[in-house]
Amino acid sequence: MTCGPLSLPCALGRSGRNFLKKEGDGGSPVGIWSLRQIYYRDDHIVRPLSKIPASPIRKGWGWCETVGDRNYNRRVNLPYATAHEELKRPDELYDVIVETSHNRRPRIQGRGSAIFFHIARKNFAPTAGCIAVALKDMQKVLRYCSTGTRLVIWPPNGAAPHAFRK
C-alpha cells in the first residue's frame, strides 16, 4: 500500500480483489473509495490524528450485514435481530476502523457491507474483504487523510499498487 511518500504492508480480503463485490465473498472491492468516518476504541488508544471526523466506538454498536434488512451496510445498535458485526471486538482489529464509501450511495443490497480500513492481524492474515495495516502505520496514514482522500484498490492485473490519493 502507498500513501504519499509511505509504502506499507497491508492485508486484503481472503479472496483477493473483486470487481463485482458480493456479500460474504471475502474479496476487497476494486474501486476508488472515500474515507467517511473514523471509529476508534478510546479504552485502547487515543483519538487518531486526522482531518476525518472521528467517534469513539460505544458498547452496543454493530454493523448490519444482512441482505434484505433495511439497515444493511449501516451502523446499528445491539442487540440486533439479524446478522451483524460487533464493532467493539475483543481483539485489536477494530481499535481503529475507517468507514469507506463502498456501497453507501447508492446502497445496493448484497453488494458488500462493512468494507473498512482497519488494523491488521500480526501476521497480516487476509481480511473478510477489508484493507488492513499495522496500528503504527494506520496512525501515520491517517495524519495525511481527510474526507477528500481516496482509497484506491487497483485491479489484480493493474500496474499500480493499492494507494491513497488526495
N, C-alpha and C. Protein backbone atom coordinates (compact mmCIF):
# COMPACT_ATOMS: atom_id res chain seq x y z
N MET A 1 0.84 -1.16 0.00
CA MET A 1 0.00 0.00 0.00
C MET A 1 0.89 1.24 0.00
N THR A 2 0.46 2.27 -0.70
CA THR A 2 1.19 3.53 -0.67
C THR A 2 0.27 4.64 -0.20
N CYS A 3 0.85 5.61 0.48
CA CYS A 3 0.14 6.81 0.93
C CYS A 3 1.15 7.93 0.90
N GLY A 4 1.02 8.81 -0.07
CA GLY A 4 2.02 9.86 -0.22
C GLY A 4 3.40 9.23 -0.32
N PRO A 5 4.34 9.62 0.53
CA PRO A 5 5.68 9.06 0.48
C PRO A 5 5.81 7.70 1.17
N LEU A 6 4.74 7.22 1.82
CA LEU A 6 4.80 5.98 2.58
C LEU A 6 4.49 4.77 1.71
N SER A 7 5.22 3.69 1.93
CA SER A 7 4.93 2.40 1.31
C SER A 7 4.85 1.39 2.45
N LEU A 8 3.68 0.78 2.63
CA LEU A 8 3.41 -0.01 3.82
C LEU A 8 2.82 -1.37 3.48
N PRO A 9 3.13 -2.40 4.27
CA PRO A 9 2.48 -3.69 4.06
C PRO A 9 1.01 -3.61 4.46
N CYS A 10 0.17 -4.34 3.74
CA CYS A 10 -1.26 -4.35 4.08
C CYS A 10 -1.83 -5.74 3.81
N ALA A 11 -3.00 -5.98 4.37
CA ALA A 11 -3.75 -7.21 4.13
C ALA A 11 -5.01 -6.86 3.38
N LEU A 12 -5.38 -7.73 2.44
CA LEU A 12 -6.64 -7.59 1.69
C LEU A 12 -7.51 -8.80 1.99
N GLY A 13 -8.66 -8.85 1.35
CA GLY A 13 -9.60 -9.95 1.55
C GLY A 13 -9.04 -11.31 1.19
N ARG A 14 -9.57 -12.33 1.83
CA ARG A 14 -9.09 -13.70 1.63
C ARG A 14 -9.27 -14.19 0.18
N SER A 15 -10.17 -13.55 -0.57
CA SER A 15 -10.39 -13.91 -1.98
C SER A 15 -9.70 -12.93 -2.93
N GLY A 16 -8.84 -12.08 -2.38
CA GLY A 16 -8.15 -11.11 -3.22
C GLY A 16 -9.01 -9.90 -3.51
N ARG A 17 -8.91 -9.39 -4.73
CA ARG A 17 -9.65 -8.19 -5.13
C ARG A 17 -10.75 -8.58 -6.11
N ASN A 18 -11.93 -8.02 -5.90
CA ASN A 18 -13.09 -8.35 -6.74
C ASN A 18 -13.63 -7.12 -7.44
N PHE A 19 -13.97 -7.28 -8.72
CA PHE A 19 -14.60 -6.20 -9.46
C PHE A 19 -16.06 -6.04 -9.07
N LEU A 20 -16.76 -7.16 -8.86
CA LEU A 20 -18.17 -7.12 -8.51
C LEU A 20 -18.34 -7.74 -7.13
N LYS A 21 -18.20 -6.92 -6.12
CA LYS A 21 -18.27 -7.36 -4.73
C LYS A 21 -19.65 -7.91 -4.41
N LYS A 22 -19.67 -9.05 -3.70
CA LYS A 22 -20.91 -9.65 -3.22
C LYS A 22 -20.75 -9.96 -1.74
N GLU A 23 -21.83 -9.83 -1.01
CA GLU A 23 -21.80 -10.07 0.43
C GLU A 23 -21.23 -11.47 0.72
N GLY A 24 -20.22 -11.51 1.59
CA GLY A 24 -19.65 -12.79 2.03
C GLY A 24 -18.64 -13.41 1.10
N ASP A 25 -18.28 -12.75 -0.01
CA ASP A 25 -17.34 -13.38 -0.96
C ASP A 25 -15.88 -13.30 -0.52
N GLY A 26 -15.58 -12.52 0.50
CA GLY A 26 -14.21 -12.45 1.02
C GLY A 26 -13.27 -11.60 0.20
N GLY A 27 -13.77 -10.88 -0.79
CA GLY A 27 -12.91 -10.06 -1.63
C GLY A 27 -12.94 -8.60 -1.24
N SER A 28 -11.82 -7.92 -1.47
CA SER A 28 -11.75 -6.46 -1.31
C SER A 28 -12.21 -5.84 -2.62
N PRO A 29 -13.15 -4.89 -2.56
CA PRO A 29 -13.73 -4.34 -3.79
C PRO A 29 -12.78 -3.40 -4.54
N VAL A 30 -12.58 -3.68 -5.81
CA VAL A 30 -11.80 -2.80 -6.68
C VAL A 30 -12.58 -1.51 -6.86
N GLY A 31 -11.90 -0.39 -6.72
CA GLY A 31 -12.55 0.89 -6.92
C GLY A 31 -11.84 2.02 -6.20
N ILE A 32 -12.46 3.18 -6.24
CA ILE A 32 -11.93 4.37 -5.58
C ILE A 32 -12.96 4.78 -4.54
N TRP A 33 -12.55 4.75 -3.28
CA TRP A 33 -13.47 4.93 -2.16
C TRP A 33 -13.04 6.12 -1.31
N SER A 34 -14.00 6.91 -0.88
CA SER A 34 -13.69 7.99 0.05
C SER A 34 -13.66 7.43 1.48
N LEU A 35 -13.03 8.19 2.36
CA LEU A 35 -12.93 7.82 3.78
C LEU A 35 -13.93 8.69 4.52
N ARG A 36 -14.95 8.07 5.08
CA ARG A 36 -16.10 8.81 5.61
C ARG A 36 -15.99 9.15 7.09
N GLN A 37 -15.60 8.18 7.90
CA GLN A 37 -15.67 8.34 9.36
C GLN A 37 -14.66 7.40 10.00
N ILE A 38 -14.00 7.89 11.05
CA ILE A 38 -13.12 7.04 11.87
C ILE A 38 -13.89 6.66 13.13
N TYR A 39 -13.84 5.39 13.46
CA TYR A 39 -14.33 4.90 14.74
C TYR A 39 -13.11 4.31 15.45
N TYR A 40 -13.00 4.54 16.76
CA TYR A 40 -11.83 4.04 17.48
C TYR A 40 -12.20 3.63 18.90
N ARG A 41 -11.39 2.74 19.45
CA ARG A 41 -11.58 2.26 20.82
C ARG A 41 -10.87 3.20 21.77
N ASP A 42 -11.59 4.11 22.40
CA ASP A 42 -10.95 5.07 23.30
C ASP A 42 -10.51 4.44 24.61
N ASP A 43 -10.90 3.18 24.85
CA ASP A 43 -10.39 2.45 26.00
C ASP A 43 -9.08 1.73 25.69
N HIS A 44 -8.66 1.75 24.41
CA HIS A 44 -7.40 1.12 23.99
C HIS A 44 -6.38 2.12 23.47
N ILE A 45 -6.83 3.13 22.74
CA ILE A 45 -5.93 4.09 22.10
C ILE A 45 -6.47 5.51 22.23
N VAL A 46 -5.61 6.48 21.94
CA VAL A 46 -6.07 7.87 21.89
C VAL A 46 -6.66 8.14 20.51
N ARG A 47 -7.44 9.20 20.42
CA ARG A 47 -8.07 9.57 19.16
C ARG A 47 -7.00 9.74 18.08
N PRO A 48 -7.15 9.05 16.94
CA PRO A 48 -6.16 9.21 15.86
C PRO A 48 -6.13 10.64 15.33
N LEU A 49 -4.93 11.12 15.00
CA LEU A 49 -4.79 12.44 14.39
C LEU A 49 -5.19 12.35 12.93
N SER A 50 -6.19 13.11 12.54
CA SER A 50 -6.68 13.09 11.18
C SER A 50 -7.67 14.22 10.98
N LYS A 51 -7.89 14.58 9.72
CA LYS A 51 -8.93 15.56 9.39
C LYS A 51 -10.26 14.87 9.10
N ILE A 52 -10.29 13.54 9.22
CA ILE A 52 -11.53 12.79 9.04
C ILE A 52 -12.29 12.82 10.37
N PRO A 53 -13.61 13.04 10.35
CA PRO A 53 -14.37 13.01 11.59
C PRO A 53 -14.16 11.68 12.33
N ALA A 54 -14.06 11.75 13.67
CA ALA A 54 -13.79 10.55 14.46
C ALA A 54 -14.74 10.47 15.65
N SER A 55 -15.16 9.23 15.96
CA SER A 55 -16.02 8.98 17.11
C SER A 55 -15.53 7.75 17.85
N PRO A 56 -15.54 7.79 19.18
CA PRO A 56 -15.23 6.58 19.94
C PRO A 56 -16.30 5.52 19.69
N ILE A 57 -15.90 4.26 19.61
CA ILE A 57 -16.84 3.16 19.47
C ILE A 57 -17.53 2.95 20.81
N ARG A 58 -18.84 2.93 20.79
CA ARG A 58 -19.62 2.73 22.01
C ARG A 58 -20.03 1.27 22.15
N LYS A 59 -20.16 0.84 23.40
CA LYS A 59 -20.66 -0.50 23.68
C LYS A 59 -22.04 -0.62 23.04
N GLY A 60 -22.26 -1.72 22.38
CA GLY A 60 -23.56 -1.94 21.75
C GLY A 60 -23.67 -1.45 20.33
N TRP A 61 -22.55 -1.02 19.72
CA TRP A 61 -22.59 -0.64 18.31
C TRP A 61 -22.24 -1.84 17.45
N GLY A 62 -22.96 -2.00 16.36
CA GLY A 62 -22.70 -3.05 15.40
C GLY A 62 -22.83 -2.51 13.99
N TRP A 63 -22.66 -3.40 13.01
CA TRP A 63 -22.80 -3.03 11.60
C TRP A 63 -23.60 -4.13 10.93
N CYS A 64 -24.75 -3.78 10.36
CA CYS A 64 -25.66 -4.76 9.76
C CYS A 64 -25.08 -5.32 8.47
N GLU A 65 -25.10 -6.67 8.36
CA GLU A 65 -24.62 -7.33 7.16
C GLU A 65 -25.65 -8.31 6.59
N THR A 66 -26.91 -8.11 6.95
CA THR A 66 -27.98 -8.98 6.47
C THR A 66 -28.61 -8.41 5.21
N VAL A 67 -28.42 -9.14 4.10
CA VAL A 67 -29.01 -8.73 2.83
C VAL A 67 -30.53 -8.73 3.00
N GLY A 68 -31.16 -7.65 2.58
CA GLY A 68 -32.60 -7.51 2.68
C GLY A 68 -33.05 -6.70 3.89
N ASP A 69 -32.17 -6.52 4.86
CA ASP A 69 -32.51 -5.72 6.04
C ASP A 69 -32.50 -4.25 5.68
N ARG A 70 -33.42 -3.47 6.24
CA ARG A 70 -33.49 -2.04 5.92
C ARG A 70 -32.24 -1.29 6.36
N ASN A 71 -31.46 -1.85 7.31
CA ASN A 71 -30.23 -1.20 7.77
C ASN A 71 -28.97 -1.86 7.21
N TYR A 72 -29.13 -2.64 6.14
CA TYR A 72 -27.98 -3.28 5.51
C TYR A 72 -26.87 -2.26 5.25
N ASN A 73 -25.66 -2.61 5.63
CA ASN A 73 -24.46 -1.79 5.47
C ASN A 73 -24.57 -0.44 6.20
N ARG A 74 -25.16 -0.50 7.38
CA ARG A 74 -25.24 0.69 8.24
C ARG A 74 -24.90 0.30 9.67
N ARG A 75 -24.49 1.31 10.45
CA ARG A 75 -24.25 1.09 11.87
C ARG A 75 -25.59 0.88 12.55
N VAL A 76 -25.64 -0.08 13.46
CA VAL A 76 -26.86 -0.40 14.20
C VAL A 76 -26.55 -0.51 15.69
N ASN A 77 -27.58 -0.44 16.49
CA ASN A 77 -27.44 -0.64 17.93
C ASN A 77 -27.76 -2.08 18.28
N LEU A 78 -26.93 -2.67 19.15
CA LEU A 78 -27.10 -4.05 19.56
C LEU A 78 -27.88 -4.11 20.88
N PRO A 79 -28.61 -5.17 21.14
CA PRO A 79 -28.75 -6.34 20.27
C PRO A 79 -29.52 -6.00 19.00
N TYR A 80 -29.18 -6.71 17.94
CA TYR A 80 -29.83 -6.50 16.66
C TYR A 80 -30.30 -7.86 16.16
N ALA A 81 -31.51 -7.90 15.62
CA ALA A 81 -32.17 -9.17 15.31
C ALA A 81 -31.52 -9.97 14.18
N THR A 82 -30.83 -9.29 13.25
CA THR A 82 -30.25 -10.01 12.12
C THR A 82 -28.73 -10.00 12.19
N ALA A 83 -28.07 -10.66 11.25
CA ALA A 83 -26.61 -10.79 11.25
C ALA A 83 -25.94 -9.43 11.21
N HIS A 84 -24.90 -9.31 12.02
CA HIS A 84 -24.19 -8.04 12.16
C HIS A 84 -22.77 -8.32 12.65
N GLU A 85 -21.94 -7.30 12.53
CA GLU A 85 -20.61 -7.33 13.13
C GLU A 85 -20.66 -6.47 14.37
N GLU A 86 -20.02 -6.92 15.44
CA GLU A 86 -19.90 -6.09 16.63
C GLU A 86 -18.67 -5.22 16.46
N LEU A 87 -18.81 -3.91 16.64
CA LEU A 87 -17.68 -3.00 16.43
C LEU A 87 -16.71 -2.99 17.61
N LYS A 88 -17.18 -3.27 18.81
CA LYS A 88 -16.29 -3.30 19.98
C LYS A 88 -15.82 -4.75 20.16
N ARG A 89 -14.88 -5.15 19.33
CA ARG A 89 -14.39 -6.53 19.30
C ARG A 89 -13.44 -6.79 20.46
N PRO A 90 -13.30 -8.07 20.83
CA PRO A 90 -12.37 -8.41 21.91
C PRO A 90 -10.90 -8.35 21.49
N ASP A 91 -10.63 -8.39 20.17
CA ASP A 91 -9.25 -8.29 19.70
C ASP A 91 -8.96 -6.84 19.32
N GLU A 92 -7.80 -6.59 18.74
CA GLU A 92 -7.39 -5.23 18.41
C GLU A 92 -7.72 -4.81 16.97
N LEU A 93 -8.33 -5.68 16.18
CA LEU A 93 -8.55 -5.38 14.76
C LEU A 93 -9.40 -4.14 14.53
N TYR A 94 -10.33 -3.87 15.42
CA TYR A 94 -11.19 -2.70 15.27
C TYR A 94 -10.83 -1.62 16.29
N ASP A 95 -9.60 -1.58 16.75
CA ASP A 95 -9.18 -0.45 17.60
C ASP A 95 -9.29 0.85 16.82
N VAL A 96 -9.08 0.78 15.51
CA VAL A 96 -9.35 1.89 14.60
C VAL A 96 -10.03 1.30 13.37
N ILE A 97 -11.17 1.87 13.03
CA ILE A 97 -11.91 1.49 11.82
C ILE A 97 -12.15 2.78 11.04
N VAL A 98 -11.88 2.74 9.74
CA VAL A 98 -12.26 3.86 8.90
C VAL A 98 -13.34 3.34 7.95
N GLU A 99 -14.52 3.92 8.07
CA GLU A 99 -15.63 3.56 7.19
C GLU A 99 -15.33 4.10 5.80
N THR A 100 -15.44 3.25 4.80
CA THR A 100 -15.25 3.67 3.41
C THR A 100 -16.60 3.93 2.75
N SER A 101 -16.56 4.52 1.58
CA SER A 101 -17.80 4.82 0.85
C SER A 101 -18.30 3.63 0.05
N HIS A 102 -17.61 2.49 0.13
CA HIS A 102 -18.06 1.33 -0.65
C HIS A 102 -19.51 0.99 -0.32
N ASN A 103 -20.33 0.90 -1.33
CA ASN A 103 -21.74 0.51 -1.25
C ASN A 103 -22.54 1.39 -0.30
N ARG A 104 -22.27 2.68 -0.32
CA ARG A 104 -23.01 3.61 0.55
C ARG A 104 -24.06 4.41 -0.22
N ARG A 105 -23.70 4.98 -1.37
CA ARG A 105 -24.65 5.77 -2.17
C ARG A 105 -24.40 5.48 -3.63
N PRO A 106 -25.22 4.73 -4.29
CA PRO A 106 -26.39 4.09 -3.71
C PRO A 106 -25.99 2.83 -2.94
N ARG A 107 -26.76 2.50 -1.95
CA ARG A 107 -26.56 1.29 -1.15
C ARG A 107 -27.36 0.18 -1.83
N ILE A 108 -26.65 -0.83 -2.31
CA ILE A 108 -27.30 -1.91 -3.06
C ILE A 108 -27.22 -3.19 -2.23
N GLN A 109 -28.39 -3.76 -1.96
CA GLN A 109 -28.47 -4.99 -1.17
C GLN A 109 -27.60 -6.08 -1.81
N GLY A 110 -26.76 -6.71 -0.99
CA GLY A 110 -25.94 -7.83 -1.44
C GLY A 110 -24.61 -7.46 -2.06
N ARG A 111 -24.31 -6.17 -2.20
CA ARG A 111 -23.06 -5.75 -2.84
C ARG A 111 -21.91 -5.54 -1.85
N GLY A 112 -22.08 -6.01 -0.63
CA GLY A 112 -21.00 -5.95 0.35
C GLY A 112 -21.23 -4.91 1.43
N SER A 113 -20.96 -5.32 2.65
CA SER A 113 -21.14 -4.44 3.80
C SER A 113 -19.87 -4.42 4.64
N ALA A 114 -19.76 -3.39 5.45
CA ALA A 114 -18.66 -3.26 6.41
C ALA A 114 -17.28 -3.37 5.75
N ILE A 115 -17.11 -2.67 4.63
CA ILE A 115 -15.79 -2.64 3.99
C ILE A 115 -15.03 -1.49 4.65
N PHE A 116 -14.18 -1.87 5.59
CA PHE A 116 -13.45 -0.92 6.41
C PHE A 116 -11.96 -0.94 6.10
N PHE A 117 -11.30 0.14 6.46
CA PHE A 117 -9.84 0.22 6.55
C PHE A 117 -9.58 0.08 8.04
N HIS A 118 -8.90 -0.99 8.45
CA HIS A 118 -8.75 -1.26 9.88
C HIS A 118 -7.38 -1.85 10.20
N ILE A 119 -7.21 -2.28 11.44
CA ILE A 119 -5.93 -2.81 11.92
C ILE A 119 -5.76 -4.26 11.46
N ALA A 120 -4.56 -4.58 11.00
CA ALA A 120 -4.25 -5.93 10.52
C ALA A 120 -3.88 -6.86 11.68
N ARG A 121 -4.06 -8.15 11.42
CA ARG A 121 -3.56 -9.16 12.36
C ARG A 121 -2.03 -9.10 12.32
N LYS A 122 -1.40 -9.60 13.38
CA LYS A 122 0.07 -9.54 13.49
C LYS A 122 0.76 -10.14 12.26
N ASN A 123 0.19 -11.22 11.70
CA ASN A 123 0.82 -11.89 10.56
C ASN A 123 0.26 -11.43 9.21
N PHE A 124 -0.54 -10.36 9.22
CA PHE A 124 -1.18 -9.84 8.01
C PHE A 124 -2.02 -10.88 7.30
N ALA A 125 -2.67 -11.74 8.09
CA ALA A 125 -3.60 -12.71 7.52
C ALA A 125 -4.70 -11.96 6.77
N PRO A 126 -5.28 -12.60 5.74
CA PRO A 126 -6.31 -11.92 4.97
C PRO A 126 -7.51 -11.50 5.82
N THR A 127 -8.20 -10.47 5.33
CA THR A 127 -9.41 -9.95 5.98
C THR A 127 -10.63 -10.62 5.35
N ALA A 128 -11.80 -10.22 5.80
CA ALA A 128 -13.06 -10.72 5.21
C ALA A 128 -13.45 -9.90 3.97
N GLY A 129 -12.63 -8.93 3.59
CA GLY A 129 -12.92 -8.10 2.42
C GLY A 129 -12.46 -6.67 2.59
N CYS A 130 -11.86 -6.38 3.72
CA CYS A 130 -11.39 -5.03 4.03
C CYS A 130 -9.94 -4.87 3.60
N ILE A 131 -9.37 -3.71 3.92
CA ILE A 131 -7.94 -3.46 3.78
C ILE A 131 -7.44 -3.13 5.18
N ALA A 132 -6.29 -3.72 5.56
CA ALA A 132 -5.81 -3.58 6.94
C ALA A 132 -4.31 -3.36 6.97
N VAL A 133 -3.88 -2.55 7.95
CA VAL A 133 -2.47 -2.24 8.16
C VAL A 133 -2.16 -2.32 9.65
N ALA A 134 -0.88 -2.31 9.99
CA ALA A 134 -0.46 -2.29 11.39
C ALA A 134 -0.92 -0.98 12.04
N LEU A 135 -1.16 -1.02 13.35
CA LEU A 135 -1.63 0.16 14.07
C LEU A 135 -0.69 1.35 13.87
N LYS A 136 0.61 1.14 13.98
CA LYS A 136 1.55 2.25 13.83
C LYS A 136 1.47 2.85 12.44
N ASP A 137 1.22 2.02 11.44
CA ASP A 137 1.08 2.51 10.07
C ASP A 137 -0.26 3.23 9.88
N MET A 138 -1.32 2.71 10.51
CA MET A 138 -2.62 3.38 10.46
C MET A 138 -2.50 4.80 11.01
N GLN A 139 -1.79 4.93 12.14
CA GLN A 139 -1.63 6.25 12.75
C GLN A 139 -0.86 7.20 11.83
N LYS A 140 0.15 6.68 11.11
CA LYS A 140 0.89 7.51 10.15
C LYS A 140 0.01 7.93 8.98
N VAL A 141 -0.70 6.98 8.42
CA VAL A 141 -1.53 7.22 7.24
C VAL A 141 -2.62 8.24 7.53
N LEU A 142 -3.31 8.09 8.66
CA LEU A 142 -4.44 8.96 8.96
C LEU A 142 -4.03 10.42 9.09
N ARG A 143 -2.79 10.68 9.44
CA ARG A 143 -2.31 12.08 9.52
C ARG A 143 -2.37 12.77 8.16
N TYR A 144 -2.23 12.01 7.08
CA TYR A 144 -2.28 12.55 5.73
C TYR A 144 -3.70 12.69 5.19
N CYS A 145 -4.67 12.10 5.87
CA CYS A 145 -6.01 11.92 5.30
C CYS A 145 -7.03 12.95 5.74
N SER A 146 -7.98 13.18 4.83
CA SER A 146 -9.17 13.99 5.09
C SER A 146 -10.32 13.30 4.37
N THR A 147 -11.50 13.89 4.44
CA THR A 147 -12.63 13.30 3.71
C THR A 147 -12.44 13.43 2.19
N GLY A 148 -11.48 14.23 1.76
CA GLY A 148 -11.16 14.34 0.34
C GLY A 148 -10.18 13.29 -0.15
N THR A 149 -9.62 12.53 0.77
CA THR A 149 -8.66 11.48 0.42
C THR A 149 -9.42 10.30 -0.17
N ARG A 150 -8.81 9.64 -1.14
CA ARG A 150 -9.42 8.47 -1.77
C ARG A 150 -8.56 7.23 -1.54
N LEU A 151 -9.22 6.16 -1.15
CA LEU A 151 -8.60 4.84 -1.03
C LEU A 151 -8.83 4.14 -2.36
N VAL A 152 -7.75 3.76 -3.01
CA VAL A 152 -7.84 3.13 -4.33
C VAL A 152 -7.42 1.68 -4.21
N ILE A 153 -8.29 0.77 -4.62
CA ILE A 153 -7.95 -0.65 -4.69
C ILE A 153 -7.92 -1.00 -6.17
N TRP A 154 -6.71 -1.20 -6.67
CA TRP A 154 -6.50 -1.46 -8.09
C TRP A 154 -6.86 -2.89 -8.44
N PRO A 155 -7.18 -3.12 -9.72
CA PRO A 155 -7.45 -4.49 -10.18
C PRO A 155 -6.22 -5.37 -9.99
N PRO A 156 -6.41 -6.68 -9.86
CA PRO A 156 -5.28 -7.60 -9.67
C PRO A 156 -4.18 -7.45 -10.72
N ASN A 157 -4.56 -7.15 -11.95
CA ASN A 157 -3.55 -7.00 -13.02
C ASN A 157 -3.18 -5.55 -13.26
N GLY A 158 -3.63 -4.65 -12.37
CA GLY A 158 -3.34 -3.21 -12.51
C GLY A 158 -1.87 -2.94 -12.33
N ALA A 159 -1.40 -1.86 -12.91
CA ALA A 159 0.02 -1.52 -12.87
C ALA A 159 0.42 -0.84 -11.56
N ALA A 160 -0.54 -0.28 -10.84
CA ALA A 160 -0.21 0.47 -9.62
C ALA A 160 -0.66 -0.29 -8.38
N PRO A 161 -0.01 -0.04 -7.24
CA PRO A 161 -0.40 -0.69 -6.00
C PRO A 161 -1.65 -0.04 -5.41
N HIS A 162 -2.19 -0.65 -4.34
CA HIS A 162 -3.30 -0.03 -3.60
C HIS A 162 -2.77 1.30 -3.11
N ALA A 163 -3.55 2.34 -3.20
CA ALA A 163 -3.00 3.66 -2.90
C ALA A 163 -4.04 4.60 -2.33
N PHE A 164 -3.55 5.63 -1.73
CA PHE A 164 -4.40 6.73 -1.29
C PHE A 164 -4.09 7.91 -2.19
N ARG A 165 -5.12 8.64 -2.56
CA ARG A 165 -4.94 9.82 -3.40
C ARG A 165 -5.60 11.00 -2.73
N LYS A 166 -5.00 12.16 -2.89
CA LYS A 166 -5.60 13.41 -2.42
C LYS A 166 -6.36 14.02 -3.56
